[in-house]
Protein backbone atom coordinates (compact mmCIF):
# COMPACT_ATOMS: atom_id res chain seq x y z
CA UNK A 1 -23.43 -12.16 2.96
CA UNK A 2 -21.63 -13.81 0.20
CA UNK A 3 -21.45 -17.44 1.28
CA UNK A 4 -18.78 -19.51 0.14
CA UNK A 5 -17.51 -23.34 -1.18
CA UNK A 6 -14.09 -24.58 -1.46
CA UNK A 7 -13.81 -27.12 -3.24
CA UNK A 8 -11.18 -29.91 -2.28
CA UNK A 9 -10.40 -32.89 -4.53
CA UNK A 10 -10.99 -36.36 -2.83
CA UNK A 11 -7.54 -37.70 -2.56
CA UNK A 12 -7.01 -35.32 -0.01
CA UNK A 13 -9.88 -35.74 1.89
CA UNK A 14 -8.73 -39.09 1.88
CA UNK A 15 -5.78 -38.51 2.99
CA UNK A 16 -6.98 -36.23 6.30
CA UNK A 17 -5.62 -37.79 9.47
CA UNK A 18 -9.61 -36.79 10.78
CA UNK A 19 -12.85 -38.34 11.40
CA UNK A 20 -15.12 -38.02 8.38
CA UNK A 21 -17.85 -36.87 10.70
CA UNK A 22 -15.07 -34.03 11.55
CA UNK A 23 -13.10 -33.24 8.45
CA UNK A 24 -15.25 -30.08 7.86
CA UNK A 25 -15.61 -28.80 11.21
CA UNK A 26 -11.97 -29.22 10.93
CA UNK A 27 -11.41 -27.83 7.88
CA UNK A 28 -12.83 -24.49 8.17
CA UNK A 29 -11.10 -24.29 11.74
CA UNK A 30 -7.93 -24.49 10.21
CA UNK A 31 -8.87 -21.31 7.65
CA UNK A 32 -9.51 -19.37 10.63
CA UNK A 33 -5.83 -20.04 11.78
CA UNK A 34 -4.66 -18.90 9.11
CA UNK A 35 -6.46 -15.86 7.86
CA UNK A 36 -6.13 -14.67 11.22
CA UNK A 37 -2.29 -15.01 11.36
CA UNK A 38 -2.25 -13.66 8.04
CA UNK A 39 -3.49 -11.01 9.28
CA UNK A 40 -6.90 -11.26 6.83
CA UNK A 41 -9.09 -11.61 9.42
CA UNK A 42 -9.52 -10.37 13.39
CA UNK A 43 -9.42 -12.32 16.06
CA UNK A 44 -13.55 -11.81 16.95
CA UNK A 45 -13.92 -12.43 12.45
CA UNK A 46 -11.41 -15.10 12.86
CA UNK A 47 -13.47 -17.06 15.73
CA UNK A 48 -17.24 -16.23 14.36
CA UNK A 49 -14.99 -18.19 11.48
CA UNK A 50 -14.00 -21.19 13.65
CA UNK A 51 -16.96 -21.14 15.12
CA UNK A 52 -16.08 -20.21 17.88
CA UNK A 53 -17.09 -17.33 20.94
CA UNK A 54 -13.54 -15.00 21.31
CA UNK A 55 -13.31 -16.71 24.97
CA UNK A 56 -12.79 -19.83 23.34
CA UNK A 57 -10.22 -18.29 20.32
């Protein structure tokens, strides 16, 4: 498996209306939702990316 690191510019991170300790988790969940919505990821894989089980998803 290959891990991918995405760089988010500091000004974007600072503009997010999220607690600092929640930013990474929320961005990963948003990515999962977006990829699922576009049909790029299946429901199961999107749930895994979001750090959720299928029931939570």
